[in-house]
Amino acid sequence: MTKISNKELEKAREMDLLTYFMIFEPEELIKISNNNYTIREHQSLKISNGKWMWWSHGFGGRSALDFLIKVRDIPFREAVTIIIEPKEYKAPIFYVLKQTKAEKKLQLPERNLTDHKVISYLRSRGIDTELIKACINSGMLYEDVYHNCVFVGFDENGKPRYASTRSTNGKSDDKREVSGSDKRYSFRILHPSDMLHVFEGAIDLLSYMTLTKITDGKWTREAMVSLGGVASSKGQSDSPKVPIALQSAIENMKDLKRIALHLDRDDAGRLAAQDIMTALQDRFEVLDQPPKYGKDMNDYLIMRGALNDKRLE
C-alpha cells in the first residue's frame, strides 16, 4: 500500500481499541468486569467506555491507531494498513471474545456477636474510639468469631468486594486477605476530593485519620486508600507498576490533582514509593510523605502518644 486516502485514514481512526482486539487479537483480551478489559501484553493497560489508559506509563488514547503507534511503536503508515487491510495482518482472526475464568466470590468471615476485642485492640494501637465505632457502624470493620479485625472494602455500588483480617492478639505477622478478595477495592474511604492519601495497610489509614483529628479536632475529608501491602517492580520490568488498588481509586476520582504517599520507611515502602512517583508524576503532583518517625504511620501515632514531644509535631 503506497498511498493512504483521507477516507482510509478516517476509517482507521474510527476503530476503538476494544473492537480492534475483538477482531484481530481476541486471545489477548482479559475481561476485568462489565465493559472493562485489559490485555495479556500489558496488564496495566485498561480499556473502558471507548477509551484506553496505560497506567504504568501515564498516557492513553481513544483509537486503535493511537495504541499501535504509541504503545507498539508501529510506523504510522503500517499501523493504518493493519487496521484497514486485515488480510495483511498475520494474527489469527476470531470474532468471539475468549472467556476468562469466573471471578471468585468473596467469602466474608463469620461475624462475632460483639466487637469488644476489635475495639480494645485498635484503641491499644492508638486509633480514635469514635473513628473505630464509625467504621463498625458503616460495615467497614467488624470482629469475626475468631476475634480478628476484619477490614472490608466496597465497590462503587456499595457491594463488599475485598476483606483482610488482622489478629487482635498482637502478632504483627498474623494478617491475611480473605478468599475471593478483589484488590481493586482494598480498604478505602473515597470522599470527593482533589487529594488522595495512600497507605500500605488499613491500620495505617486509620492512624492517619486519628492524627488529623488530634491536630485539627476533626477527621480529614480527603480521600484515602490502603494498598494491602506493596511490592516494588524494580529489577523485574522497565516500566514501574502502579498498585491495582491505587489505579482503581484514581479511576473513581475525576477531580484528582495530588497524591500523597504515606508508605513505610523500610526498603519495600521506599522502592514502591519511587515506582509510583515515576509512573504518575507526569499526570499528578505526587508527594512522598512517609511517617516522620517509626516504620509506619501507626508507629508514628503511637510514638506521638507515648512521648508527647513537641519535636514530633
Protein backbone atom coordinates (compact mmCIF):
# COMPACT_ATOMS: atom_id res chain seq x y z
CA MET A 1 0.00 0.00 0.00
CA THR A 2 1.74 3.18 -1.19
CA LYS A 3 -0.77 5.91 -0.51
CA ILE A 4 -3.40 6.37 2.19
CA SER A 5 -6.53 8.28 1.17
CA ASN A 6 -8.40 10.59 3.52
CA LYS A 7 -11.29 8.11 3.57
CA GLU A 8 -8.99 5.25 4.58
CA LEU A 9 -7.35 7.38 7.26
CA GLU A 10 -10.74 8.35 8.67
CA LYS A 11 -11.74 4.67 8.75
CA ALA A 12 -8.56 3.75 10.62
CA ARG A 13 -9.08 6.50 13.20
CA GLU A 14 -12.67 5.42 13.86
CA MET A 15 -11.77 1.97 15.22
CA ASP A 16 -11.58 1.87 19.03
CA LEU A 17 -9.11 -0.42 20.78
CA LEU A 18 -11.64 -2.94 22.15
CA THR A 19 -13.05 -3.50 18.65
CA TYR A 20 -9.52 -3.93 17.32
CA PHE A 21 -8.67 -6.66 19.83
CA MET A 22 -12.02 -8.42 19.43
CA ILE A 23 -11.43 -8.64 15.67
CA PHE A 24 -7.67 -9.13 15.34
CA GLU A 25 -6.34 -10.44 18.66
CA PRO A 26 -9.17 -11.78 20.85
CA GLU A 27 -6.77 -14.17 22.60
CA GLU A 28 -5.04 -11.12 24.13
CA LEU A 29 -8.18 -9.76 25.86
CA ILE A 30 -8.79 -10.27 29.59
CA LYS A 31 -12.18 -9.18 30.90
CA ILE A 32 -12.00 -7.47 34.30
CA SER A 33 -15.66 -6.56 34.74
CA ASN A 34 -18.56 -5.28 32.63
CA ASN A 35 -17.13 -3.03 29.89
CA ASN A 36 -13.64 -3.12 31.47
CA TYR A 37 -10.76 -5.04 29.89
CA THR A 38 -7.00 -5.38 29.97
CA ILE A 39 -4.59 -7.25 27.68
CA ARG A 40 -2.07 -10.00 28.36
CA GLU A 41 0.72 -8.00 26.75
CA HIS A 42 0.39 -5.04 29.17
CA GLN A 43 -1.88 -5.70 32.15
CA SER A 44 -1.54 -2.12 33.43
CA LEU A 45 -3.32 -1.02 30.23
CA LYS A 46 -7.07 -0.74 30.78
CA ILE A 47 -9.82 -0.42 28.13
CA SER A 48 -13.15 1.08 29.20
CA ASN A 49 -16.02 3.04 27.61
CA GLY A 50 -14.30 3.56 24.27
CA LYS A 51 -11.02 4.76 25.80
CA TRP A 52 -7.77 3.12 26.88
CA MET A 53 -5.21 4.08 29.51
CA TRP A 54 -1.72 2.68 30.02
CA TRP A 55 -1.46 3.39 33.75
CA SER A 56 2.15 2.32 34.26
CA HIS A 57 3.24 4.86 31.62
CA GLY A 58 0.73 7.60 32.40
CA PHE A 59 -0.85 8.09 28.98
CA GLY A 60 -3.80 6.82 26.98
CA GLY A 61 -5.99 7.42 23.97
CA ARG A 62 -9.21 6.55 22.18
CA SER A 63 -8.36 4.80 18.93
CA ALA A 64 -6.65 1.55 17.99
CA LEU A 65 -4.41 3.65 15.75
CA ASP A 66 -3.10 5.55 18.78
CA PHE A 67 -2.35 2.23 20.51
CA LEU A 68 -0.43 0.73 17.61
CA ILE A 69 1.69 3.88 17.20
CA LYS A 70 2.24 4.89 20.84
CA VAL A 71 2.39 1.51 22.59
CA ARG A 72 3.66 -0.91 19.95
CA ASP A 73 5.79 1.71 18.19
CA ILE A 74 4.49 0.73 14.74
CA PRO A 75 5.11 3.34 11.98
CA PHE A 76 2.03 5.37 11.07
CA ARG A 77 1.54 4.02 7.52
CA GLU A 78 1.97 0.41 8.65
CA ALA A 79 -0.47 0.93 11.55
CA VAL A 80 -3.14 2.30 9.22
CA THR A 81 -2.59 -0.65 6.85
CA ILE A 82 -3.03 -3.18 9.68
CA ILE A 83 -6.43 -1.70 10.58
CA ILE A 84 -7.94 -1.18 7.12
CA GLU A 85 -6.44 -4.23 5.37
CA PRO A 86 -6.87 -7.15 7.79
CA LYS A 87 -5.80 -9.66 5.13
CA GLU A 88 -2.27 -8.30 5.53
CA TYR A 89 -2.25 -8.87 9.28
CA LYS A 90 -0.81 -12.21 10.39
CA ALA A 91 -2.62 -12.62 13.71
CA PRO A 92 -5.49 -15.16 13.59
CA ILE A 93 -8.90 -13.54 13.18
CA PHE A 94 -11.51 -14.61 15.72
CA TYR A 95 -14.83 -12.90 16.31
CA VAL A 96 -15.73 -14.39 19.69
CA LEU A 97 -14.15 -12.97 22.83
CA LYS A 98 -12.16 -15.57 24.70
CA GLN A 99 -13.81 -16.16 28.07
CA THR A 100 -11.85 -15.80 31.30
CA LYS A 101 -12.29 -17.83 34.46
CA ALA A 102 -15.26 -16.89 36.63
CA GLU A 103 -14.49 -14.45 39.40
CA LYS A 104 -14.16 -15.94 42.86
CA LYS A 105 -16.88 -14.92 45.26
CA LEU A 106 -15.79 -13.07 48.38
CA GLN A 107 -16.25 -15.23 51.47
CA LEU A 108 -16.56 -12.80 54.37
CA PRO A 109 -15.60 -14.32 57.76
CA GLU A 110 -18.47 -15.08 60.13
CA ARG A 111 -19.23 -12.14 62.41
CA ASN A 112 -18.89 -12.36 66.17
CA LEU A 113 -21.78 -11.27 68.41
CA THR A 114 -19.75 -8.32 69.72
CA ASP A 115 -16.85 -6.15 68.56
CA HIS A 116 -15.30 -5.69 72.01
CA LYS A 117 -11.89 -7.22 71.25
CA VAL A 118 -11.51 -5.33 67.98
CA ILE A 119 -12.31 -2.04 69.70
CA SER A 120 -9.90 -2.80 72.55
CA TYR A 121 -7.12 -3.86 70.16
CA LEU A 122 -7.38 -0.85 67.86
CA ARG A 123 -7.54 1.51 70.84
CA SER A 124 -4.30 -0.09 72.07
CA ARG A 125 -2.81 0.84 68.68
CA GLY A 126 -3.78 4.47 69.30
CA ILE A 127 -6.78 4.58 66.93
CA ASP A 128 -9.52 7.04 67.90
CA THR A 129 -12.51 5.31 69.56
CA GLU A 130 -15.09 7.40 67.71
CA LEU A 131 -13.42 6.54 64.41
CA ILE A 132 -13.42 2.80 65.25
CA LYS A 133 -17.14 2.86 66.02
CA ALA A 134 -17.91 4.85 62.87
CA CYS A 135 -16.15 2.21 60.77
CA ILE A 136 -18.06 -0.58 62.55
CA ASN A 137 -21.38 1.20 62.02
CA SER A 138 -20.66 1.62 58.30
CA GLY A 139 -19.78 -2.09 57.86
CA MET A 140 -16.14 -1.36 57.00
CA LEU A 141 -14.89 -3.06 60.17
CA TYR A 142 -16.07 -5.88 62.41
CA GLU A 143 -14.90 -8.70 64.69
CA ASP A 144 -15.09 -12.27 63.41
CA VAL A 145 -15.78 -15.38 65.52
CA TYR A 146 -12.02 -15.87 65.99
CA HIS A 147 -11.76 -12.30 67.36
CA ASN A 148 -9.82 -10.98 64.37
CA CYS A 149 -10.29 -7.48 62.95
CA VAL A 150 -11.97 -7.71 59.54
CA PHE A 151 -11.41 -4.69 57.27
CA VAL A 152 -13.88 -4.58 54.36
CA GLY A 153 -13.54 -2.80 51.01
CA PHE A 154 -16.57 -1.90 48.87
CA ASP A 155 -17.06 -1.24 45.17
CA GLU A 156 -18.77 1.80 43.63
CA ASN A 157 -22.20 0.22 44.23
CA GLY A 158 -21.59 -0.40 47.93
CA LYS A 159 -21.04 -4.14 47.50
CA PRO A 160 -18.30 -5.82 49.63
CA ARG A 161 -15.52 -6.88 47.25
CA TYR A 162 -12.45 -7.12 49.49
CA ALA A 163 -11.59 -8.09 53.05
CA SER A 164 -8.45 -8.56 55.10
CA THR A 165 -8.06 -9.82 58.66
CA ARG A 166 -5.72 -8.81 61.45
CA SER A 167 -5.25 -10.73 64.69
CA THR A 168 -6.13 -8.92 67.92
CA ASN A 169 -3.59 -10.91 69.94
CA GLY A 170 -0.68 -8.64 68.99
CA LYS A 171 1.04 -10.90 66.45
CA SER A 172 2.07 -8.48 63.73
CA ASP A 173 2.52 -11.24 61.14
CA ASP A 174 -0.93 -12.74 61.69
CA LYS A 175 -2.76 -10.99 58.85
CA ARG A 176 -4.17 -12.15 55.53
CA GLU A 177 -6.51 -11.37 52.67
CA VAL A 178 -9.84 -13.19 52.64
CA SER A 179 -10.51 -15.68 49.83
CA GLY A 180 -12.17 -14.09 46.80
CA SER A 181 -10.92 -10.58 47.59
CA ASP A 182 -10.59 -8.16 44.68
CA LYS A 183 -7.62 -5.94 45.46
CA ARG A 184 -9.02 -3.12 43.34
CA TYR A 185 -11.36 -2.44 46.24
CA SER A 186 -8.89 -2.62 49.11
CA PHE A 187 -9.95 -0.81 52.32
CA ARG A 188 -10.56 2.82 51.34
CA ILE A 189 -12.56 5.98 52.02
CA LEU A 190 -13.12 7.93 48.80
CA HIS A 191 -14.50 11.33 49.76
CA PRO A 192 -14.86 13.67 46.75
CA SER A 193 -11.52 15.48 46.72
CA ASP A 194 -8.63 16.63 44.56
CA MET A 195 -6.21 14.92 47.00
CA LEU A 196 -5.68 11.20 47.58
CA HIS A 197 -3.71 9.80 50.53
CA VAL A 198 -2.13 6.36 50.05
CA PHE A 199 -1.17 3.83 52.77
CA GLU A 200 0.14 0.28 52.85
CA GLY A 201 -2.49 -1.06 55.26
CA ALA A 202 -5.87 -0.30 56.83
CA ILE A 203 -4.43 0.41 60.29
CA ASP A 204 -2.04 2.99 58.79
CA LEU A 205 -5.01 4.68 57.12
CA LEU A 206 -6.93 4.83 60.41
CA SER A 207 -3.79 6.06 62.17
CA TYR A 208 -3.54 8.98 59.75
CA MET A 209 -7.19 9.86 60.32
CA THR A 210 -6.58 9.78 64.08
CA LEU A 211 -3.56 12.07 63.68
CA THR A 212 -5.60 14.60 61.70
CA LYS A 213 -8.22 14.61 64.45
CA ILE A 214 -5.54 15.18 67.08
CA THR A 215 -4.14 18.07 65.05
CA ASP A 216 -7.30 19.68 63.65
CA GLY A 217 -10.02 18.43 66.00
CA LYS A 218 -11.75 16.53 63.18
CA TRP A 219 -11.07 13.76 60.69
CA THR A 220 -9.79 14.59 57.23
CA ARG A 221 -12.40 14.77 54.46
CA GLU A 222 -9.85 13.93 51.78
CA ALA A 223 -9.81 10.58 50.00
CA MET A 224 -7.72 7.68 51.33
CA VAL A 225 -6.82 4.20 50.09
CA SER A 226 -4.81 1.32 51.55
CA LEU A 227 -2.92 -0.93 49.15
CA GLY A 228 -2.99 -4.18 51.09
CA GLY A 229 0.82 -4.27 51.07
CA VAL A 230 3.36 -3.20 48.46
CA ALA A 231 5.88 -4.82 46.16
CA SER A 232 8.40 -2.94 44.07
CA SER A 233 8.79 -3.81 40.39
CA LYS A 234 12.45 -2.76 40.47
CA GLY A 235 14.57 -5.25 38.59
CA GLN A 236 11.50 -7.02 37.18
CA SER A 237 10.39 -4.59 34.49
CA ASP A 238 11.47 -1.42 32.72
CA SER A 239 8.04 0.04 33.49
CA PRO A 240 7.29 0.94 37.15
CA LYS A 241 4.00 -0.55 38.31
CA VAL A 242 1.09 1.26 39.95
CA PRO A 243 -0.70 -0.94 42.55
CA ILE A 244 -4.13 -2.01 41.35
CA ALA A 245 -5.89 -0.56 44.42
CA LEU A 246 -4.37 2.85 43.59
CA GLN A 247 -5.30 2.52 39.91
CA SER A 248 -8.91 1.84 40.89
CA ALA A 249 -9.07 4.82 43.25
CA ILE A 250 -7.65 7.12 40.56
CA GLU A 251 -10.27 5.96 38.07
CA ASN A 252 -13.00 6.91 40.55
CA MET A 253 -11.72 10.43 41.29
CA LYS A 254 -12.49 12.80 38.42
CA ASP A 255 -11.08 15.88 40.22
CA LEU A 256 -7.84 14.28 41.40
CA LYS A 257 -4.78 16.51 41.20
CA ARG A 258 -2.46 15.46 44.07
CA ILE A 259 -1.42 12.12 45.55
CA ALA A 260 0.34 11.86 48.93
CA LEU A 261 2.24 8.61 49.55
CA HIS A 262 2.43 7.66 53.24
CA LEU A 263 4.22 4.36 52.67
CA ASP A 264 6.54 2.68 55.18
CA ARG A 265 10.08 3.82 55.84
CA ASP A 266 11.54 0.37 55.07
CA ASP A 267 13.16 -0.70 51.79
CA ALA A 268 9.93 -2.09 50.30
CA GLY A 269 7.99 1.08 51.08
CA ARG A 270 10.69 3.38 49.71
CA LEU A 271 11.08 1.41 46.46
CA ALA A 272 7.29 1.23 45.97
CA ALA A 273 7.02 4.99 46.50
CA GLN A 274 9.70 5.57 43.84
CA ASP A 275 7.84 3.31 41.40
CA ILE A 276 4.54 5.13 41.91
CA MET A 277 6.11 8.58 41.63
CA THR A 278 7.89 7.61 38.40
CA ALA A 279 4.71 6.18 36.89
CA LEU A 280 2.36 9.03 37.85
CA GLN A 281 4.43 12.20 38.14
CA ASP A 282 3.53 13.35 34.62
CA ARG A 283 -0.20 13.27 35.43
CA PHE A 284 -0.41 14.32 39.07
CA GLU A 285 1.52 16.13 41.75
CA VAL A 286 2.86 13.14 43.70
CA LEU A 287 4.21 13.80 47.21
CA ASP A 288 6.40 11.34 49.11
CA GLN A 289 5.35 11.75 52.75
CA PRO A 290 6.46 8.75 54.84
CA PRO A 291 5.94 8.91 58.63
CA LYS A 292 8.40 11.29 60.32
CA TYR A 293 9.37 8.67 62.89
CA GLY A 294 8.99 4.90 63.19
CA LYS A 295 8.48 2.30 60.47
CA ASP A 296 4.90 3.14 59.52
CA MET A 297 2.06 5.56 60.22
CA ASN A 298 0.83 3.56 63.20
CA ASP A 299 4.32 3.57 64.76
CA TYR A 300 4.35 7.33 64.40
CA LEU A 301 0.91 7.67 66.01
CA ILE A 302 1.95 5.52 68.98
CA MET A 303 5.22 7.43 69.39
CA ARG A 304 3.37 10.74 69.48
CA GLY A 305 1.03 9.44 72.16
CA ALA A 306 3.81 7.89 74.25
CA LEU A 307 6.35 10.67 74.08
CA ASN A 308 4.09 13.72 73.88
CA ASP A 309 7.09 15.51 72.43
CA LYS A 310 6.67 18.78 70.51
CA ARG A 311 9.60 17.78 68.34
CA LEU A 312 7.32 15.22 66.68
CA GLU A 313 4.80 17.83 65.61
